[in-house]
PDB file of all heavy atoms in Angstrom:
ATOM      1  N   VAL A   1      85.595  92.043  92.197  1.00  0.00           N
ATOM      2  CA  VAL A   1      84.872  91.929  93.458  1.00  0.00           C
ATOM      3  C   VAL A   1      85.799  92.408  94.566  1.00  0.00           C
ATOM      4  O   VAL A   1      86.886  91.852  94.759  1.00  0.00           O
ATOM      5  CB  VAL A   1      84.427  90.476  93.733  1.00  0.00           C
ATOM      6  CG1 VAL A   1      83.774  90.378  95.108  1.00  0.00           C
ATOM      7  CG2 VAL A   1      83.470  89.997  92.654  1.00  0.00           C
ATOM      8  N   ILE A   2      85.400  93.446  95.268  1.00  0.00           N
ATOM      9  CA  ILE A   2      86.232  94.028  96.323  1.00  0.00           C
ATOM     10  C   ILE A   2      85.554  93.878  97.677  1.00  0.00           C
ATOM     11  O   ILE A   2      84.326  93.960  97.789  1.00  0.00           O
ATOM     12  CB  ILE A   2      86.544  95.523  96.031  1.00  0.00           C
ATOM     13  CG1 ILE A   2      87.490  96.109  97.092  1.00  0.00           C
ATOM     14  CG2 ILE A   2      85.278  96.342  95.908  1.00  0.00           C
ATOM     15  CD1 ILE A   2      87.997  97.515  96.770  1.00  0.00           C
ATOM     16  N   SER A   3      86.347  93.647  98.709  1.00  0.00           N
ATOM     17  CA  SER A   3      85.801  93.601 100.063  1.00  0.00           C
ATOM     18  C   SER A   3      85.540  95.020 100.536  1.00  0.00           C
ATOM     19  O   SER A   3      86.025  95.987  99.958  1.00  0.00           O
ATOM     20  CB  SER A   3      86.781  92.906 101.011  1.00  0.00           C
ATOM     21  OG  SER A   3      87.903  93.739 101.271  1.00  0.00           O
ATOM     22  N   ASP A   4      84.785  95.154 101.602  1.00  0.00           N
ATOM     23  CA  ASP A   4      84.597  96.463 102.217  1.00  0.00           C
ATOM     24  C   ASP A   4      85.690  96.667 103.266  1.00  0.00           C
ATOM     25  O   ASP A   4      86.509  95.781 103.529  1.00  0.00           O
ATOM     26  CB  ASP A   4      83.199  96.572 102.836  1.00  0.00           C
ATOM     27  CG  ASP A   4      82.705  98.016 102.914  1.00  0.00           C
ATOM     28  OD1 ASP A   4      83.542  98.936 102.882  1.00  0.00           O
ATOM     29  OD2 ASP A   4      81.485  98.227 103.018  1.00  0.00           O
ATOM     30  N   PHE A   5      85.689  97.830 103.882  1.00  0.00           N
ATOM     31  CA  PHE A   5      86.761  98.291 104.760  1.00  0.00           C
ATOM     32  C   PHE A   5      87.034  97.316 105.908  1.00  0.00           C
ATOM     33  O   PHE A   5      86.168  97.083 106.753  1.00  0.00           O
ATOM     34  CB  PHE A   5      86.362  99.664 105.323  1.00  0.00           C
ATOM     35  CG  PHE A   5      87.466 100.422 105.997  1.00  0.00           C
ATOM     36  CD1 PHE A   5      88.197 101.373 105.304  1.00  0.00           C
ATOM     37  CD2 PHE A   5      87.769 100.202 107.328  1.00  0.00           C
ATOM     38  CE1 PHE A   5      89.210 102.086 105.924  1.00  0.00           C
ATOM     39  CE2 PHE A   5      88.777 100.902 107.963  1.00  0.00           C
ATOM     40  CZ  PHE A   5      89.511 101.854 107.250  1.00  0.00           C
ATOM     41  N   SER A   6      88.214  96.708 105.895  1.00  0.00           N
ATOM     42  CA  SER A   6      88.678  95.803 106.968  1.00  0.00           C
ATOM     43  C   SER A   6      87.805  94.567 107.143  1.00  0.00           C
ATOM     44  O   SER A   6      87.902  93.887 108.174  1.00  0.00           O
ATOM     45  CB  SER A   6      88.770  96.542 108.318  1.00  0.00           C
ATOM     46  OG  SER A   6      89.965  97.273 108.403  1.00  0.00           O
ATOM     47  N   ASP A   7      86.986  94.241 106.171  1.00  0.00           N
ATOM     48  CA  ASP A   7      86.013  93.171 106.417  1.00  0.00           C
ATOM     49  C   ASP A   7      86.603  91.773 106.363  1.00  0.00           C
ATOM     50  O   ASP A   7      85.953  90.820 106.807  1.00  0.00           O
ATOM     51  CB  ASP A   7      84.843  93.297 105.440  1.00  0.00           C
ATOM     52  CG  ASP A   7      83.756  94.208 105.984  1.00  0.00           C
ATOM     53  OD1 ASP A   7      83.609  94.268 107.214  1.00  0.00           O
ATOM     54  OD2 ASP A   7      83.066  94.862 105.194  1.00  0.00           O
ATOM     55  N   VAL A   8      87.815  91.631 105.814  1.00  0.00           N
ATOM     56  CA  VAL A   8      88.482  90.340 105.944  1.00  0.00           C
ATOM     57  C   VAL A   8      88.902  90.140 107.399  1.00  0.00           C
ATOM     58  O   VAL A   8      88.672  89.093 108.005  1.00  0.00           O
ATOM     59  CB  VAL A   8      89.695  90.262 104.996  1.00  0.00           C
ATOM     60  CG1 VAL A   8      90.496  88.990 105.261  1.00  0.00           C
ATOM     61  CG2 VAL A   8      89.231  90.299 103.539  1.00  0.00           C
ATOM     62  N   GLU A   9      89.483  91.183 107.968  1.00  0.00           N
ATOM     63  CA  GLU A   9      89.847  91.153 109.387  1.00  0.00           C
ATOM     64  C   GLU A   9      88.616  90.943 110.273  1.00  0.00           C
ATOM     65  O   GLU A   9      88.675  90.233 111.293  1.00  0.00           O
ATOM     66  CB  GLU A   9      90.535  92.469 109.746  1.00  0.00           C
ATOM     67  CG  GLU A   9      91.016  92.579 111.162  1.00  0.00           C
ATOM     68  CD  GLU A   9      91.730  93.902 111.424  1.00  0.00           C
ATOM     69  OE1 GLU A   9      92.015  94.636 110.448  1.00  0.00           O
ATOM     70  OE2 GLU A   9      91.981  94.198 112.601  1.00  0.00           O
ATOM     71  N   PHE A  10      87.498  91.525 109.865  1.00  0.00           N
ATOM     72  CA  PHE A  10      86.287  91.417 110.683  1.00  0.00           C
ATOM     73  C   PHE A  10      85.671  90.022 110.646  1.00  0.00           C
ATOM     74  O   PHE A  10      84.788  89.710 111.447  1.00  0.00           O
ATOM     75  CB  PHE A  10      85.254  92.456 110.244  1.00  0.00           C
ATOM     76  CG  PHE A  10      85.651  93.874 110.587  1.00  0.00           C
ATOM     77  CD1 PHE A  10      85.103  94.954 109.903  1.00  0.00           C
ATOM     78  CD2 PHE A  10      86.574  94.133 111.587  1.00  0.00           C
ATOM     79  CE1 PHE A  10      85.483  96.250 110.211  1.00  0.00           C
ATOM     80  CE2 PHE A  10      86.952  95.420 111.908  1.00  0.00           C
ATOM     81  CZ  PHE A  10      86.404  96.493 111.211  1.00  0.00           C
ATOM     82  N   LEU A  11      86.113  89.170 109.704  1.00  0.00           N
ATOM     83  CA  LEU A  11      85.691  87.771 109.755  1.00  0.00           C
ATOM     84  C   LEU A  11      86.177  87.126 111.044  1.00  0.00           C
ATOM     85  O   LEU A  11      85.576  86.182 111.551  1.00  0.00           O
ATOM     86  CB  LEU A  11      86.242  86.999 108.543  1.00  0.00           C
ATOM     87  CG  LEU A  11      85.626  87.329 107.180  1.00  0.00           C
ATOM     88  CD1 LEU A  11      86.354  86.579 106.077  1.00  0.00           C
ATOM     89  CD2 LEU A  11      84.134  86.996 107.162  1.00  0.00           C
ATOM     90  N   VAL A  12      87.262  87.673 111.588  1.00  0.00           N
ATOM     91  CA  VAL A  12      87.786  87.210 112.876  1.00  0.00           C
ATOM     92  C   VAL A  12      87.115  87.969 114.015  1.00  0.00           C
ATOM     93  O   VAL A  12      86.524  87.375 114.926  1.00  0.00           O
ATOM     94  CB  VAL A  12      89.321  87.411 112.947  1.00  0.00           C
ATOM     95  CG1 VAL A  12      89.860  86.886 114.287  1.00  0.00           C
ATOM     96  CG2 VAL A  12      90.012  86.726 111.782  1.00  0.00           C
ATOM     97  N   GLU A  13      87.174  89.290 113.952  1.00  0.00           N
ATOM     98  CA  GLU A  13      86.771  90.125 115.088  1.00  0.00           C
ATOM     99  C   GLU A  13      85.261  90.234 115.273  1.00  0.00           C
ATOM    100  O   GLU A  13      84.772  90.164 116.389  1.00  0.00           O
ATOM    101  CB  GLU A  13      87.365  91.523 114.921  1.00  0.00           C
ATOM    102  CG  GLU A  13      88.875  91.570 115.012  1.00  0.00           C
ATOM    103  CD  GLU A  13      89.395  92.989 114.982  1.00  0.00           C
ATOM    104  OE1 GLU A  13      88.574  93.918 115.089  1.00  0.00           O
ATOM    105  OE2 GLU A  13      90.616  93.163 114.852  1.00  0.00           O
ATOM    106  N   ALA A  14      84.539  90.439 114.169  1.00  0.00           N
ATOM    107  CA  ALA A  14      83.099  90.705 114.272  1.00  0.00           C
ATOM    108  C   ALA A  14      82.250  89.460 114.100  1.00  0.00           C
ATOM    109  O   ALA A  14      81.271  89.254 114.825  1.00  0.00           O
ATOM    110  CB  ALA A  14      82.694  91.757 113.233  1.00  0.00           C
ATOM    111  N   HIS A  15      82.625  88.615 113.133  1.00  0.00           N
ATOM    112  CA  HIS A  15      81.779  87.460 112.819  1.00  0.00           C
ATOM    113  C   HIS A  15      82.204  86.187 113.539  1.00  0.00           C
ATOM    114  O   HIS A  15      81.417  85.233 113.614  1.00  0.00           O
ATOM    115  CB  HIS A  15      81.782  87.214 111.307  1.00  0.00           C
ATOM    116  CG  HIS A  15      81.155  88.321 110.512  1.00  0.00           C
ATOM    117  ND1 HIS A  15      79.815  88.595 110.558  1.00  0.00           N
ATOM    118  CD2 HIS A  15      81.701  89.234 109.668  1.00  0.00           C
ATOM    119  CE1 HIS A  15      79.547  89.623 109.759  1.00  0.00           C
ATOM    120  NE2 HIS A  15      80.677  90.036 109.219  1.00  0.00           N
ATOM    121  N   ALA A  16      83.445  86.158 114.039  1.00  0.00           N
ATOM    122  CA  ALA A  16      83.968  84.956 114.705  1.00  0.00           C
ATOM    123  C   ALA A  16      83.855  83.733 113.805  1.00  0.00           C
ATOM    124  O   ALA A  16      83.548  82.627 114.251  1.00  0.00           O
ATOM    125  CB  ALA A  16      83.241  84.715 116.040  1.00  0.00           C
ATOM    126  N   SER A  17      84.113  83.950 112.511  1.00  0.00           N
ATOM    127  CA  SER A  17      84.033  82.864 111.534  1.00  0.00           C
ATOM    128  C   SER A  17      85.405  82.360 111.104  1.00  0.00           C
ATOM    129  O   SER A  17      85.499  81.408 110.328  1.00  0.00           O
ATOM    130  CB  SER A  17      83.258  83.334 110.296  1.00  0.00           C
ATOM    131  OG  SER A  17      81.907  83.569 110.614  1.00  0.00           O
ATOM    132  N   ALA A  18      86.452  83.032 111.553  1.00  0.00           N
ATOM    133  CA  ALA A  18      87.821  82.602 111.267  1.00  0.00           C
ATOM    134  C   ALA A  18      88.645  82.785 112.533  1.00  0.00           C
ATOM    135  O   ALA A  18      88.429  83.727 113.295  1.00  0.00           O
ATOM    136  CB  ALA A  18      88.409  83.423 110.113  1.00  0.00           C
ATOM    137  N   LYS A  19      89.621  81.891 112.732  1.00  0.00           N
ATOM    138  CA  LYS A  19      90.395  81.946 113.979  1.00  0.00           C
ATOM    139  C   LYS A  19      91.447  83.036 113.956  1.00  0.00           C
ATOM    140  O   LYS A  19      91.857  83.541 115.008  1.00  0.00           O
ATOM    141  CB  LYS A  19      91.039  80.599 114.255  1.00  0.00           C
ATOM    142  CG  LYS A  19      92.073  80.160 113.218  1.00  0.00           C
ATOM    143  CD  LYS A  19      92.640  78.788 113.545  1.00  0.00           C
ATOM    144  CE  LYS A  19      93.662  78.346 112.495  1.00  0.00           C
ATOM    145  NZ  LYS A  19      94.196  76.996 112.789  1.00  0.00           N
ATOM    146  N   ASP A  20      91.922  83.398 112.748  1.00  0.00           N
ATOM    147  CA  ASP A  20      92.923  84.454 112.640  1.00  0.00           C
ATOM    148  C   ASP A  20      92.835  85.060 111.242  1.00  0.00           C
ATOM    149  O   ASP A  20      92.064  84.605 110.389  1.00  0.00           O
ATOM    150  CB  ASP A  20      94.330  83.928 112.932  1.00  0.00           C
ATOM    151  CG  ASP A  20      94.727  82.726 112.070  1.00  0.00           C
ATOM    152  OD1 ASP A  20      94.223  82.631 110.923  1.00  0.00           O
ATOM    153  OD2 ASP A  20      95.518  81.886 112.533  1.00  0.00           O
ATOM    154  N   LYS A  21      93.654  86.075 111.004  1.00  0.00           N
ATOM    155  CA  LYS A  21      93.575  86.805 109.733  1.00  0.00           C
ATOM    156  C   LYS A  21      94.051  85.955 108.556  1.00  0.00           C
ATOM    157  O   LYS A  21      93.574  86.124 107.431  1.00  0.00           O
ATOM    158  CB  LYS A  21      94.384  88.092 109.833  1.00  0.00           C
ATOM    159  CG  LYS A  21      94.017  89.126 108.779  1.00  0.00           C
ATOM    160  CD  LYS A  21      94.663  90.453 109.097  1.00  0.00           C
ATOM    161  CE  LYS A  21      94.327  91.502 108.058  1.00  0.00           C
ATOM    162  NZ  LYS A  21      95.007  92.787 108.347  1.00  0.00           N
ATOM    163  N   ARG A  22      94.961  85.057 108.801  1.00  0.00           N
ATOM    164  CA  ARG A  22      95.408  84.156 107.731  1.00  0.00           C
ATOM    165  C   ARG A  22      94.245  83.312 107.231  1.00  0.00           C
ATOM    166  O   ARG A  22      94.005  83.196 106.017  1.00  0.00           O
ATOM    167  CB  ARG A  22      96.539  83.252 108.241  1.00  0.00           C
ATOM    168  CG  ARG A  22      97.066  82.267 107.189  1.00  0.00           C
ATOM    169  CD  ARG A  22      98.047  81.273 107.833  1.00  0.00           C
ATOM    170  NE  ARG A  22      98.637  80.371 106.854  1.00  0.00           N
ATOM    171  CZ  ARG A  22      98.057  79.255 106.402  1.00  0.00           C
ATOM    172  NH1 ARG A  22      96.834  78.921 106.846  1.00  0.00           N
ATOM    173  NH2 ARG A  22      98.673  78.478 105.526  1.00  0.00           N
ATOM    174  N   GLU A  23      93.508  82.719 108.172  1.00  0.00           N
ATOM    175  CA  GLU A  23      92.361  81.903 107.772  1.00  0.00           C
ATOM    176  C   GLU A  23      91.284  82.772 107.126  1.00  0.00           C
ATOM    177  O   GLU A  23      90.650  82.359 106.145  1.00  0.00           O
ATOM    178  CB  GLU A  23      91.774  81.170 108.977  1.00  0.00           C
ATOM    179  CG  GLU A  23      90.636  80.242 108.588  1.00  0.00           C
ATOM    180  CD  GLU A  23      90.039  79.505 109.771  1.00  0.00           C
ATOM    181  OE1 GLU A  23      90.061  80.033 110.900  1.00  0.00           O
ATOM    182  OE2 GLU A  23      89.531  78.389 109.553  1.00  0.00           O
ATOM    183  N   ALA A  24      91.094  83.971 107.643  1.00  0.00           N
ATOM    184  CA  ALA A  24      90.102  84.873 107.056  1.00  0.00           C
ATOM    185  C   ALA A  24      90.464  85.225 105.622  1.00  0.00           C
ATOM    186  O   ALA A  24      89.585  85.285 104.742  1.00  0.00           O
ATOM    187  CB  ALA A  24      90.003  86.145 107.900  1.00  0.00           C
ATOM    188  N   THR A  25      91.738  85.447 105.360  1.00  0.00           N
ATOM    189  CA  THR A  25      92.195  85.739 104.000  1.00  0.00           C
ATOM    190  C   THR A  25      91.901  84.569 103.072  1.00  0.00           C
ATOM    191  O   THR A  25      91.421  84.746 101.946  1.00  0.00           O
ATOM    192  CB  THR A  25      93.704  86.052 104.005  1.00  0.00           C
ATOM    193  OG1 THR A  25      93.947  87.167 104.861  1.00  0.00           O
ATOM    194  CG2 THR A  25      94.200  86.364 102.607  1.00  0.00           C
ATOM    195  N   LYS A  26      92.159  83.374 103.544  1.00  0.00           N
ATOM    196  CA  LYS A  26      91.880  82.174 102.741  1.00  0.00           C
ATOM    197  C   LYS A  26      90.391  82.065 102.422  1.00  0.00           C
ATOM    198  O   LYS A  26      90.004  81.824 101.263  1.00  0.00           O
ATOM    199  CB  LYS A  26      92.342  80.917 103.487  1.00  0.00           C
ATOM    200  CG  LYS A  26      92.058  79.625 102.728  1.00  0.00           C
ATOM    201  CD  LYS A  26      92.562  78.399 103.459  1.00  0.00           C
ATOM    202  CE  LYS A  26      91.688  78.028 104.634  1.00  0.00           C
ATOM    203  NZ  LYS A  26      92.062  76.724 105.233  1.00  0.00           N
ATOM    204  N   LEU A  27      89.553  82.243 103.425  1.00  0.00           N
ATOM    205  CA  LEU A  27      88.110  82.128 103.213  1.00  0.00           C
ATOM    206  C   LEU A  27      87.610  83.178 102.230  1.00  0.00           C
ATOM    207  O   LEU A  27      86.786  82.890 101.354  1.00  0.00           O
ATOM    208  CB  LEU A  27      87.383  82.265 104.552  1.00  0.00           C
ATOM    209  CG  LEU A  27      87.588  81.135 105.564  1.00  0.00           C
ATOM    210  CD1 LEU A  27      86.997  81.523 106.922  1.00  0.00           C
ATOM    211  CD2 LEU A  27      86.956  79.844 105.063  1.00  0.00           C
ATOM    212  N   ALA A  28      88.092  84.413 102.368  1.00  0.00           N
ATOM    213  CA  ALA A  28      87.635  85.505 101.511  1.00  0.00           C
ATOM    214  C   ALA A  28      88.059  85.292 100.063  1.00  0.00           C
ATOM    215  O   ALA A  28      87.248  85.422  99.135  1.00  0.00           O
ATOM    216  CB  ALA A  28      88.167  86.837 102.035  1.00  0.00           C
ATOM    217  N   VAL A  29      89.336  84.959  99.846  1.00  0.00           N
ATOM    218  CA  VAL A  29      89.827  84.767  98.478  1.00  0.00           C
ATOM    219  C   VAL A  29      89.161  83.557  97.838  1.00  0.00           C
ATOM    220  O   VAL A  29      88.728  83.613  96.679  1.00  0.00           O
ATOM    221  CB  VAL A  29      91.363  84.626  98.476  1.00  0.00           C
ATOM    222  CG1 VAL A  29      91.865  84.250  97.077  1.00  0.00           C
ATOM    223  CG2 VAL A  29      92.021  85.923  98.927  1.00  0.00           C
ATOM    224  N   ASN A  30      89.026  82.474  98.570  1.00  0.00           N
ATOM    225  CA  ASN A  30      88.397  81.278  98.007  1.00  0.00           C
ATOM    226  C   ASN A  30      86.907  81.470  97.742  1.00  0.00           C
ATOM    227  O   ASN A  30      86.328  80.786  96.895  1.00  0.00           O
ATOM    228  CB  ASN A  30      88.621  80.081  98.923  1.00  0.00           C
ATOM    229  CG  ASN A  30      90.022  79.510  98.807  1.00  0.00           C
ATOM    230  OD1 ASN A  30      90.684  79.683  97.779  1.00  0.00           O
ATOM    231  ND2 ASN A  30      90.498  78.844  99.846  1.00  0.00           N
ATOM    232  N   SER A  31      86.288  82.410  98.438  1.00  0.00           N
ATOM    233  CA  SER A  31      84.867  82.674  98.179  1.00  0.00           C
ATOM    234  C   SER A  31      84.674  83.422  96.862  1.00  0.00           C
ATOM    235  O   SER A  31      83.583  83.427  96.305  1.00  0.00           O
ATOM    236  CB  SER A  31      84.270  83.502  99.321  1.00  0.00           C
ATOM    237  OG  SER A  31      84.728  84.847  99.256  1.00  0.00           O
ATOM    238  N   GLY A  32      85.746  84.062  96.375  1.00  0.00           N
ATOM    239  CA  GLY A  32      85.659  84.785  95.100  1.00  0.00           C
ATOM    240  C   GLY A  32      86.022  86.249  95.178  1.00  0.00           C
ATOM    241  O   GLY A  32      85.920  86.968  94.177  1.00  0.00           O
ATOM    242  N   ILE A  33      86.460  86.741  96.346  1.00  0.00           N
ATOM    243  CA  ILE A  33      86.872  88.145  96.453  1.00  0.00           C
ATOM    244  C   ILE A  33      88.221  88.319  95.766  1.00  0.00           C
ATOM    245  O   ILE A  33      89.157  87.552  95.997  1.00  0.00           O
ATOM    246  CB  ILE A  33      86.933  88.588  97.924  1.00  0.00           C
ATOM    247  CG1 ILE A  33      85.507  88.616  98.505  1.00  0.00           C
ATOM    248  CG2 ILE A  33      87.586  89.965  98.058  1.00  0.00           C
ATOM    249  CD1 ILE A  33      85.436  88.935  99.968  1.00  0.00           C
ATOM    250  N   ASP A  34      88.296  89.342  94.910  1.00  0.00           N
ATOM    251  CA  ASP A  34      89.497  89.572  94.109  1.00  0.00           C
ATOM    252  C   ASP A  34      90.433  90.605  94.718  1.00  0.00           C
ATOM    253  O   ASP A  34      91.648  90.494  94.626  1.00  0.00           O
ATOM    254  CB  ASP A  34      89.103  90.053  92.705  1.00  0.00           C
ATOM    255  CG  ASP A  34      88.109  89.135  92.031  1.00  0.00           C
ATOM    256  OD1 ASP A  34      88.382  87.924  91.966  1.00  0.00           O
ATOM    257  OD2 ASP A  34      87.050  89.622  91.573  1.00  0.00           O
ATOM    258  N   LEU A  35      89.851  91.630  95.318  1.00  0.00           N
ATOM    259  CA  LEU A  35      90.621  92.761  95.829  1.00  0.00           C
ATOM    260  C   LEU A  35      90.262  92.949  97.300  1.00  0.00           C
ATOM    261  O   LEU A  35      89.096  93.164  97.627  1.00  0.00           O
ATOM    262  CB  LEU A  35      90.291  94.011  95.022  1.00  0.00           C
ATOM    263  CG  LEU A  35      91.153  95.262  95.201  1.00  0.00           C
ATOM    264  CD1 LEU A  35      92.619  94.978  94.927  1.00  0.00           C
ATOM    265  CD2 LEU A  35      90.652  96.373  94.272  1.00  0.00           C
ATOM    266  N   LEU A  36      91.250  92.849  98.170  1.00  0.00           N
ATOM    267  CA  LEU A  36      91.011  92.896  99.609  1.00  0.00           C
ATOM    268  C   LEU A  36      91.297  94.299 100.135  1.00  0.00           C
ATOM    269  O   LEU A  36      92.439  94.767 100.074  1.00  0.00           O
ATOM    270  CB  LEU A  36      91.896  91.878 100.332  1.00  0.00           C
ATOM    271  CG  LEU A  36      91.445  90.408 100.292  1.00  0.00           C
ATOM    272  CD1 LEU A  36      91.458  89.868  98.865  1.00  0.00           C
ATOM    273  CD2 LEU A  36      92.332  89.544 101.177  1.00  0.00           C
ATOM    274  N   MET A  37      90.248  94.955 100.641  1.00  0.00           N
ATOM    275  CA  MET A  37      90.415  96.278 101.223  1.00  0.00           C
ATOM    276  C   MET A  37      90.934  96.099 102.643  1.00  0.00           C
ATOM    277  O   MET A  37      90.178  95.969 103.589  1.00  0.00           O
ATOM    278  CB  MET A  37      89.093  97.060 101.212  1.00  0.00           C
ATOM    279  CG  MET A  37      89.251  98.519 101.592  1.00  0.00           C
ATOM    280  SD  MET A  37      87.686  99.448 101.669  1.00  0.00           S
ATOM    281  CE  MET A  37      87.239  99.567  99.936  1.00  0.00           C
ATOM    282  N   ASN A  38      92.247  96.078 102.722  1.00  0.00           N
ATOM    283  CA  ASN A  38      92.956  95.887 103.985  1.00  0.00           C
ATOM    284  C   ASN A  38      93.676  97.206 104.258  1.00  0.00           C
ATOM    285  O   ASN A  38      94.820  97.387 103.857  1.00  0.00           O
ATOM    286  CB  ASN A  38      93.938  94.730 103.845  1.00  0.00           C
ATOM    287  CG  ASN A  38      94.526  94.284 105.161  1.00  0.00           C
ATOM    288  OD1 ASN A  38      93.802  93.855 106.050  1.00  0.00           O
ATOM    289  ND2 ASN A  38      95.846  94.369 105.287  1.00  0.00           N
TER     290      ASN A  38
END
């Protein structure tokens, strides 16, 4: 399972669902994403 382009970062910038990239990384990996397109 791979993320799309910068979409972990966009959990902060676009969705306002994470306060920073560290938290966004945690949310994405714990949701089941295996490969982060960063």
